[in-house]
Amino acid sequence: MKDFLSIAIQNGCIGSTFAEDDKRIIVYTRWADEMILEQFRSSEEYKIKEGNIIQSFAAAGFKIPDDILFNSTAKILFNNSP
């Protein structure tokens, strides 16, 4: 995951948050705009890394999206970070 986020940052990701509740892990990435995100998501580098991440979660017994929620297009309602 750290390797994936390093590549995301190199391609325009401006931040990420990992959280968990009693049912799942939640991964949220922040991008300056959706076009930059979509350019990254359509890259070959993304497809390779995404496949590896999904395989590692599946090997650990996680189910996507039941156990892990990836959401990169949610609307932010409130943010109190600088």
PDB file of N, CA and C in Angstrom:
ATOM      1  N   MET A   1       0.821  -1.188   0.000  1.00  0.00           N
ATOM      2  CA  MET A   1       0.000   0.000   0.000  1.00  0.00           C
ATOM      3  C   MET A   1       0.867   1.255   0.000  1.00  0.00           C
ATOM      4  N   LYS A   2       1.957   1.244   0.771  1.00  0.00           N
ATOM      5  CA  LYS A   2       2.848   2.400   0.807  1.00  0.00           C
ATOM      6  C   LYS A   2       3.455   2.654  -0.567  1.00  0.00           C
ATOM      7  N   ASP A   3       3.841   1.578  -1.259  1.00  0.00           N
ATOM      8  CA  ASP A   3       4.393   1.703  -2.607  1.00  0.00           C
ATOM      9  C   ASP A   3       3.357   2.320  -3.544  1.00  0.00           C
ATOM     10  N   PHE A   4       2.120   1.860  -3.431  1.00  0.00           N
ATOM     11  CA  PHE A   4       1.044   2.391  -4.262  1.00  0.00           C
ATOM     12  C   PHE A   4       0.840   3.881  -3.983  1.00  0.00           C
ATOM     13  N   LEU A   5       0.819   4.275  -2.719  1.00  0.00           N
ATOM     14  CA  LEU A   5       0.606   5.684  -2.376  1.00  0.00           C
ATOM     15  C   LEU A   5       1.775   6.552  -2.825  1.00  0.00           C
ATOM     16  N   SER A   6       2.986   6.013  -2.802  1.00  0.00           N
ATOM     17  CA  SER A   6       4.128   6.774  -3.317  1.00  0.00           C
ATOM     18  C   SER A   6       3.942   7.079  -4.796  1.00  0.00           C
ATOM     19  N   ILE A   7       3.482   6.109  -5.546  1.00  0.00           N
ATOM     20  CA  ILE A   7       3.230   6.307  -6.982  1.00  0.00           C
ATOM     21  C   ILE A   7       2.062   7.276  -7.178  1.00  0.00           C
ATOM     22  N   ALA A   8       1.037   7.160  -6.343  1.00  0.00           N
ATOM     23  CA  ALA A   8      -0.104   8.074  -6.441  1.00  0.00           C
ATOM     24  C   ALA A   8       0.349   9.513  -6.212  1.00  0.00           C
ATOM     25  N   ILE A   9       1.211   9.721  -5.220  1.00  0.00           N
ATOM     26  CA  ILE A   9       1.708  11.075  -4.930  1.00  0.00           C
ATOM     27  C   ILE A   9       2.499  11.616  -6.116  1.00  0.00           C
ATOM     28  N   GLN A  10       3.298  10.756  -6.734  1.00  0.00           N
ATOM     29  CA  GLN A  10       4.058  11.172  -7.915  1.00  0.00           C
ATOM     30  C   GLN A  10       3.140  11.548  -9.079  1.00  0.00           C
ATOM     31  N   ASN A  11       1.896  11.056  -9.029  1.00  0.00           N
ATOM     32  CA  ASN A  11       0.948  11.299 -10.115  1.00  0.00           C
ATOM     33  C   ASN A  11      -0.174  12.254  -9.727  1.00  0.00           C
ATOM     34  N   GLY A  12      -0.018  13.014  -8.635  1.00  0.00           N
ATOM     35  CA  GLY A  12      -0.974  14.059  -8.327  1.00  0.00           C
ATOM     36  C   GLY A  12      -1.823  13.888  -7.088  1.00  0.00           C
ATOM     37  N   CYS A  13      -1.698  12.772  -6.366  1.00  0.00           N
ATOM     38  CA  CYS A  13      -2.451  12.597  -5.122  1.00  0.00           C
ATOM     39  C   CYS A  13      -1.910  13.593  -4.098  1.00  0.00           C
ATOM     40  N   ILE A  14      -2.803  14.324  -3.432  1.00  0.00           N
ATOM     41  CA  ILE A  14      -2.350  15.331  -2.478  1.00  0.00           C
ATOM     42  C   ILE A  14      -2.533  14.900  -1.029  1.00  0.00           C
ATOM     43  N   GLY A  15      -2.986  13.676  -0.807  1.00  0.00           N
ATOM     44  CA  GLY A  15      -3.106  13.174   0.554  1.00  0.00           C
ATOM     45  C   GLY A  15      -3.913  11.900   0.621  1.00  0.00           C
ATOM     46  N   SER A  16      -3.770  11.208   1.735  1.00  0.00           N
ATOM     47  CA  SER A  16      -4.541   9.979   1.923  1.00  0.00           C
ATOM     48  C   SER A  16      -4.858   9.803   3.395  1.00  0.00           C
ATOM     49  N   THR A  17      -5.924   9.084   3.639  1.00  0.00           N
ATOM     50  CA  THR A  17      -6.347   8.772   4.996  1.00  0.00           C
ATOM     51  C   THR A  17      -6.745   7.307   5.051  1.00  0.00           C
ATOM     52  N   PHE A  18      -6.268   6.618   6.074  1.00  0.00           N
ATOM     53  CA  PHE A  18      -6.673   5.247   6.329  1.00  0.00           C
ATOM     54  C   PHE A  18      -7.413   5.253   7.656  1.00  0.00           C
ATOM     55  N   ALA A  19      -8.529   4.586   7.705  1.00  0.00           N
ATOM     56  CA  ALA A  19      -9.314   4.516   8.935  1.00  0.00           C
ATOM     57  C   ALA A  19      -9.902   3.113   9.049  1.00  0.00           C
ATOM     58  N   GLU A  20     -10.402   2.803  10.214  1.00  0.00           N
ATOM     59  CA  GLU A  20     -11.093   1.531  10.386  1.00  0.00           C
ATOM     60  C   GLU A  20     -12.212   1.716  11.391  1.00  0.00           C
ATOM     61  N   ASP A  21     -13.239   0.919  11.204  1.00  0.00           N
ATOM     62  CA  ASP A  21     -14.262   0.817  12.228  1.00  0.00           C
ATOM     63  C   ASP A  21     -14.336  -0.663  12.596  1.00  0.00           C
ATOM     64  N   ASP A  22     -15.369  -1.069  13.284  1.00  0.00           N
ATOM     65  CA  ASP A  22     -15.415  -2.470  13.705  1.00  0.00           C
ATOM     66  C   ASP A  22     -15.725  -3.438  12.569  1.00  0.00           C
ATOM     67  N   LYS A  23     -16.019  -2.910  11.369  1.00  0.00           N
ATOM     68  CA  LYS A  23     -16.392  -3.784  10.262  1.00  0.00           C
ATOM     69  C   LYS A  23     -15.451  -3.734   9.060  1.00  0.00           C
ATOM     70  N   ARG A  24     -14.706  -2.642   8.882  1.00  0.00           N
ATOM     71  CA  ARG A  24     -13.926  -2.524   7.649  1.00  0.00           C
ATOM     72  C   ARG A  24     -12.786  -1.534   7.774  1.00  0.00           C
ATOM     73  N   ILE A  25     -11.922  -1.561   6.765  1.00  0.00           N
ATOM     74  CA  ILE A  25     -10.856  -0.585   6.585  1.00  0.00           C
ATOM     75  C   ILE A  25     -11.346   0.395   5.531  1.00  0.00           C
ATOM     76  N   ILE A  26     -11.122   1.673   5.741  1.00  0.00           N
ATOM     77  CA  ILE A  26     -11.573   2.702   4.804  1.00  0.00           C
ATOM     78  C   ILE A  26     -10.338   3.453   4.307  1.00  0.00           C
ATOM     79  N   VAL A  27     -10.176   3.501   2.987  1.00  0.00           N
ATOM     80  CA  VAL A  27      -9.051   4.194   2.366  1.00  0.00           C
ATOM     81  C   VAL A  27      -9.613   5.346   1.552  1.00  0.00           C
ATOM     82  N   TYR A  28      -9.129   6.539   1.843  1.00  0.00           N
ATOM     83  CA  TYR A  28      -9.607   7.732   1.145  1.00  0.00           C
ATOM     84  C   TYR A  28      -8.402   8.496   0.621  1.00  0.00           C
ATOM     85  N   THR A  29      -8.387   8.800  -0.672  1.00  0.00           N
ATOM     86  CA  THR A  29      -7.305   9.600  -1.253  1.00  0.00           C
ATOM     87  C   THR A  29      -7.862  10.932  -1.723  1.00  0.00           C
ATOM     88  N   ARG A  30      -7.010  11.967  -1.661  1.00  0.00           N
ATOM     89  CA  ARG A  30      -7.428  13.306  -2.073  1.00  0.00           C
ATOM     90  C   ARG A  30      -6.640  13.727  -3.314  1.00  0.00           C
ATOM     91  N   TRP A  31      -7.351  14.324  -4.248  1.00  0.00           N
ATOM     92  CA  TRP A  31      -6.776  14.747  -5.527  1.00  0.00           C
ATOM     93  C   TRP A  31      -7.217  16.174  -5.811  1.00  0.00           C
ATOM     94  N   ALA A  32      -6.378  16.937  -6.518  1.00  0.00           N
ATOM     95  CA  ALA A  32      -6.707  18.325  -6.851  1.00  0.00           C
ATOM     96  C   ALA A  32      -7.965  18.401  -7.694  1.00  0.00           C
ATOM     97  N   ASP A  33      -8.121  17.468  -8.626  1.00  0.00           N
ATOM     98  CA  ASP A  33      -9.360  17.392  -9.398  1.00  0.00           C
ATOM     99  C   ASP A  33      -9.527  15.984  -9.960  1.00  0.00           C
ATOM    100  N   GLU A  34     -10.709  15.692 -10.400  1.00  0.00           N
ATOM    101  CA  GLU A  34     -11.032  14.336 -10.842  1.00  0.00           C
ATOM    102  C   GLU A  34     -10.310  13.944 -12.137  1.00  0.00           C
ATOM    103  N   MET A  35      -9.948  14.911 -12.964  1.00  0.00           N
ATOM    104  CA  MET A  35      -9.246  14.595 -14.206  1.00  0.00           C
ATOM    105  C   MET A  35      -7.862  14.000 -13.902  1.00  0.00           C
ATOM    106  N   ILE A  36      -7.169  14.553 -12.929  1.00  0.00           N
ATOM    107  CA  ILE A  36      -5.860  14.027 -12.542  1.00  0.00           C
ATOM    108  C   ILE A  36      -6.017  12.602 -12.006  1.00  0.00           C
ATOM    109  N   LEU A  37      -7.023  12.390 -11.173  1.00  0.00           N
ATOM    110  CA  LEU A  37      -7.304  11.054 -10.646  1.00  0.00           C
ATOM    111  C   LEU A  37      -7.570  10.075 -11.784  1.00  0.00           C
ATOM    112  N   GLU A  38      -8.400  10.449 -12.724  1.00  0.00           N
ATOM    113  CA  GLU A  38      -8.745   9.548 -13.831  1.00  0.00           C
ATOM    114  C   GLU A  38      -7.547   9.251 -14.716  1.00  0.00           C
ATOM    115  N   GLN A  39      -6.659  10.221 -14.911  1.00  0.00           N
ATOM    116  CA  GLN A  39      -5.439   9.968 -15.681  1.00  0.00           C
ATOM    117  C   GLN A  39      -4.590   8.910 -14.981  1.00  0.00           C
ATOM    118  N   PHE A  40      -4.485   9.030 -13.669  1.00  0.00           N
ATOM    119  CA  PHE A  40      -3.730   8.046 -12.906  1.00  0.00           C
ATOM    120  C   PHE A  40      -4.409   6.680 -12.963  1.00  0.00           C
ATOM    121  N   ARG A  41      -5.720   6.637 -12.779  1.00  0.00           N
ATOM    122  CA  ARG A  41      -6.443   5.369 -12.773  1.00  0.00           C
ATOM    123  C   ARG A  41      -6.409   4.657 -14.119  1.00  0.00           C
ATOM    124  N   SER A  42      -6.196   5.378 -15.195  1.00  0.00           N
ATOM    125  CA  SER A  42      -6.137   4.737 -16.507  1.00  0.00           C
ATOM    126  C   SER A  42      -4.708   4.355 -16.906  1.00  0.00           C
ATOM    127  N   SER A  43      -3.726   4.653 -16.056  1.00  0.00           N
ATOM    128  CA  SER A  43      -2.329   4.331 -16.376  1.00  0.00           C
ATOM    129  C   SER A  43      -2.040   2.851 -16.136  1.00  0.00           C
ATOM    130  N   GLU A  44      -1.080   2.343 -16.866  1.00  0.00           N
ATOM    131  CA  GLU A  44      -0.662   0.943 -16.706  1.00  0.00           C
ATOM    132  C   GLU A  44      -0.070   0.721 -15.319  1.00  0.00           C
ATOM    133  N   GLU A  45       0.674   1.701 -14.827  1.00  0.00           N
ATOM    134  CA  GLU A  45       1.284   1.611 -13.496  1.00  0.00           C
ATOM    135  C   GLU A  45       0.218   1.394 -12.417  1.00  0.00           C
ATOM    136  N   TYR A  46      -0.890   2.133 -12.524  1.00  0.00           N
ATOM    137  CA  TYR A  46      -1.990   1.991 -11.568  1.00  0.00           C
ATOM    138  C   TYR A  46      -2.579   0.586 -11.636  1.00  0.00           C
ATOM    139  N   LYS A  47      -2.836   0.109 -12.842  1.00  0.00           N
ATOM    140  CA  LYS A  47      -3.465  -1.212 -13.004  1.00  0.00           C
ATOM    141  C   LYS A  47      -2.612  -2.315 -12.391  1.00  0.00           C
ATOM    142  N   ILE A  48      -1.305  -2.222 -12.568  1.00  0.00           N
ATOM    143  CA  ILE A  48      -0.413  -3.234 -11.998  1.00  0.00           C
ATOM    144  C   ILE A  48      -0.440  -3.171 -10.472  1.00  0.00           C
ATOM    145  N   LYS A  49      -0.293  -1.977  -9.923  1.00  0.00           N
ATOM    146  CA  LYS A  49      -0.279  -1.820  -8.461  1.00  0.00           C
ATOM    147  C   LYS A  49      -1.621  -2.184  -7.844  1.00  0.00           C
ATOM    148  N   GLU A  50      -2.715  -1.768  -8.483  1.00  0.00           N
ATOM    149  CA  GLU A  50      -4.040  -2.082  -7.961  1.00  0.00           C
ATOM    150  C   GLU A  50      -4.242  -3.590  -7.889  1.00  0.00           C
ATOM    151  N   GLY A  51      -3.835  -4.287  -8.941  1.00  0.00           N
ATOM    152  CA  GLY A  51      -3.966  -5.747  -8.957  1.00  0.00           C
ATOM    153  C   GLY A  51      -3.202  -6.394  -7.822  1.00  0.00           C
ATOM    154  N   ASN A  52      -1.986  -5.921  -7.580  1.00  0.00           N
ATOM    155  CA  ASN A  52      -1.178  -6.469  -6.492  1.00  0.00           C
ATOM    156  C   ASN A  52      -1.809  -6.207  -5.131  1.00  0.00           C
ATOM    157  N   ILE A  53      -2.347  -5.020  -4.946  1.00  0.00           N
ATOM    158  CA  ILE A  53      -2.981  -4.674  -3.666  1.00  0.00           C
ATOM    159  C   ILE A  53      -4.216  -5.533  -3.429  1.00  0.00           C
ATOM    160  N   ILE A  54      -5.055  -5.651  -4.443  1.00  0.00           N
ATOM    161  CA  ILE A  54      -6.270  -6.456  -4.295  1.00  0.00           C
ATOM    162  C   ILE A  54      -5.917  -7.909  -4.001  1.00  0.00           C
ATOM    163  N   GLN A  55      -4.907  -8.444  -4.680  1.00  0.00           N
ATOM    164  CA  GLN A  55      -4.479  -9.821  -4.425  1.00  0.00           C
ATOM    165  C   GLN A  55      -3.973  -9.991  -2.996  1.00  0.00           C
ATOM    166  N   SER A  56      -3.231  -9.012  -2.495  1.00  0.00           N
ATOM    167  CA  SER A  56      -2.710  -9.136  -1.131  1.00  0.00           C
ATOM    168  C   SER A  56      -3.832  -9.072  -0.104  1.00  0.00           C
ATOM    169  N   PHE A  57      -4.819  -8.206  -0.317  1.00  0.00           N
ATOM    170  CA  PHE A  57      -5.963  -8.165   0.601  1.00  0.00           C
ATOM    171  C   PHE A  57      -6.762  -9.468   0.539  1.00  0.00           C
ATOM    172  N   ALA A  58      -6.974  -9.985  -0.671  1.00  0.00           N
ATOM    173  CA  ALA A  58      -7.720 -11.240  -0.828  1.00  0.00           C
ATOM    174  C   ALA A  58      -6.967 -12.388  -0.152  1.00  0.00           C
ATOM    175  N   ALA A  59      -5.649 -12.425  -0.306  1.00  0.00           N
ATOM    176  CA  ALA A  59      -4.841 -13.474   0.314  1.00  0.00           C
ATOM    177  C   ALA A  59      -4.917 -13.404   1.840  1.00  0.00           C
ATOM    178  N   ALA A  60      -5.127 -12.192   2.375  1.00  0.00           N
ATOM    179  CA  ALA A  60      -5.243 -12.015   3.828  1.00  0.00           C
ATOM    180  C   ALA A  60      -6.655 -12.291   4.332  1.00  0.00           C
ATOM    181  N   GLY A  61      -7.568 -12.639   3.409  1.00  0.00           N
ATOM    182  CA  GLY A  61      -8.926 -12.979   3.808  1.00  0.00           C
ATOM    183  C   GLY A  61      -9.924 -11.833   3.782  1.00  0.00           C
ATOM    184  N   PHE A  62      -9.520 -10.669   3.266  1.00  0.00           N
ATOM    185  CA  PHE A  62     -10.431  -9.538   3.170  1.00  0.00           C
ATOM    186  C   PHE A  62     -11.313  -9.663   1.936  1.00  0.00           C
ATOM    187  N   LYS A  63     -12.518  -9.122   2.019  1.00  0.00           N
ATOM    188  CA  LYS A  63     -13.427  -9.049   0.881  1.00  0.00           C
ATOM    189  C   LYS A  63     -13.660  -7.584   0.552  1.00  0.00           C
ATOM    190  N   ILE A  64     -13.519  -7.248  -0.727  1.00  0.00           N
ATOM    191  CA  ILE A  64     -13.758  -5.878  -1.181  1.00  0.00           C
ATOM    192  C   ILE A  64     -15.123  -5.871  -1.852  1.00  0.00           C
ATOM    193  N   PRO A  65     -16.063  -5.007  -1.541  1.00  0.00           N
ATOM    194  CA  PRO A  65     -16.009  -3.859  -0.646  1.00  0.00           C
ATOM    195  C   PRO A  65     -16.513  -4.126   0.764  1.00  0.00           C
ATOM    196  N   ASP A  66     -16.844  -5.368   1.107  1.00  0.00           N
ATOM    197  CA  ASP A  66     -17.399  -5.631   2.434  1.00  0.00           C
ATOM    198  C   ASP A  66     -16.447  -5.259   3.564  1.00  0.00           C
ATOM    199  N   ASP A  67     -15.164  -5.637   3.433  1.00  0.00           N
ATOM    200  CA  ASP A  67     -14.190  -5.394   4.491  1.00  0.00           C
ATOM    201  C   ASP A  67     -13.351  -4.149   4.254  1.00  0.00           C
ATOM    202  N   ILE A  68     -13.187  -3.767   2.978  1.00  0.00           N
ATOM    203  CA  ILE A  68     -12.344  -2.631   2.624  1.00  0.00           C
ATOM    204  C   ILE A  68     -13.113  -1.731   1.684  1.00  0.00           C
ATOM    205  N   LEU A  69     -13.179  -0.465   2.017  1.00  0.00           N
ATOM    206  CA  LEU A  69     -13.880   0.514   1.188  1.00  0.00           C
ATOM    207  C   LEU A  69     -12.862   1.498   0.629  1.00  0.00           C
ATOM    208  N   PHE A  70     -12.723   1.507  -0.698  1.00  0.00           N
ATOM    209  CA  PHE A  70     -11.888   2.486  -1.385  1.00  0.00           C
ATOM    210  C   PHE A  70     -12.832   3.517  -1.973  1.00  0.00           C
ATOM    211  N   ASN A  71     -12.630   4.774  -1.663  1.00  0.00           N
ATOM    212  CA  ASN A  71     -13.493   5.805  -2.228  1.00  0.00           C
ATOM    213  C   ASN A  71     -12.660   7.031  -2.518  1.00  0.00           C
ATOM    214  N   SER A  72     -12.553   7.353  -3.787  1.00  0.00           N
ATOM    215  CA  SER A  72     -11.723   8.489  -4.162  1.00  0.00           C
ATOM    216  C   SER A  72     -12.533   9.608  -4.806  1.00  0.00           C
ATOM    217  N   THR A  73     -13.835   9.463  -4.858  1.00  0.00           N
ATOM    218  CA  THR A  73     -14.657  10.494  -5.498  1.00  0.00           C
ATOM    219  C   THR A  73     -15.748  11.028  -4.572  1.00  0.00           C
ATOM    220  N   ALA A  74     -15.623  10.760  -3.286  1.00  0.00           N
ATOM    221  CA  ALA A  74     -16.637  11.234  -2.344  1.00  0.00           C
ATOM    222  C   ALA A  74     -16.557  12.749  -2.202  1.00  0.00           C
ATOM    223  N   LYS A  75     -17.675  13.366  -1.946  1.00  0.00           N
ATOM    224  CA  LYS A  75     -17.730  14.804  -1.698  1.00  0.00           C
ATOM    225  C   LYS A  75     -17.384  15.048  -0.231  1.00  0.00           C
ATOM    226  N   ILE A  76     -16.447  15.947   0.015  1.00  0.00           N
ATOM    227  CA  ILE A  76     -16.054  16.267   1.385  1.00  0.00           C
ATOM    228  C   ILE A  76     -17.066  17.236   1.969  1.00  0.00           C
ATOM    229  N   LEU A  77     -17.639  16.857   3.079  1.00  0.00           N
ATOM    230  CA  LEU A  77     -18.627  17.700   3.748  1.00  0.00           C
ATOM    231  C   LEU A  77     -17.991  18.625   4.772  1.00  0.00           C
ATOM    232  N   PHE A  78     -16.910  18.191   5.398  1.00  0.00           N
ATOM    233  CA  PHE A  78     -16.235  19.008   6.393  1.00  0.00           C
ATOM    234  C   PHE A  78     -14.795  18.537   6.515  1.00  0.00           C
ATOM    235  N   ASN A  79     -13.878  19.456   6.688  1.00  0.00           N
ATOM    236  CA  ASN A  79     -12.471  19.128   6.856  1.00  0.00           C
ATOM    237  C   ASN A  79     -11.862  20.166   7.772  1.00  0.00           C
ATOM    238  N   ASN A  80     -11.318  19.741   8.907  1.00  0.00           N
ATOM    239  CA  ASN A  80     -10.712  20.704   9.809  1.00  0.00           C
ATOM    240  C   ASN A  80      -9.188  20.622   9.839  1.00  0.00           C
ATOM    241  N   SER A  81      -8.585  19.948   8.864  1.00  0.00           N
ATOM    242  CA  SER A  81      -7.125  19.899   8.804  1.00  0.00           C
ATOM    243  C   SER A  81      -6.597  21.105   8.036  1.00  0.00           C
ATOM    244  N   PRO A  82      -5.368  21.508   8.335  1.00  0.00           N
ATOM    245  CA  PRO A  82      -4.808  22.711   7.702  1.00  0.00           C
ATOM    246  C   PRO A  82      -4.589  22.550   6.203  1.00  0.00           C
TER     247      PRO A  82
END
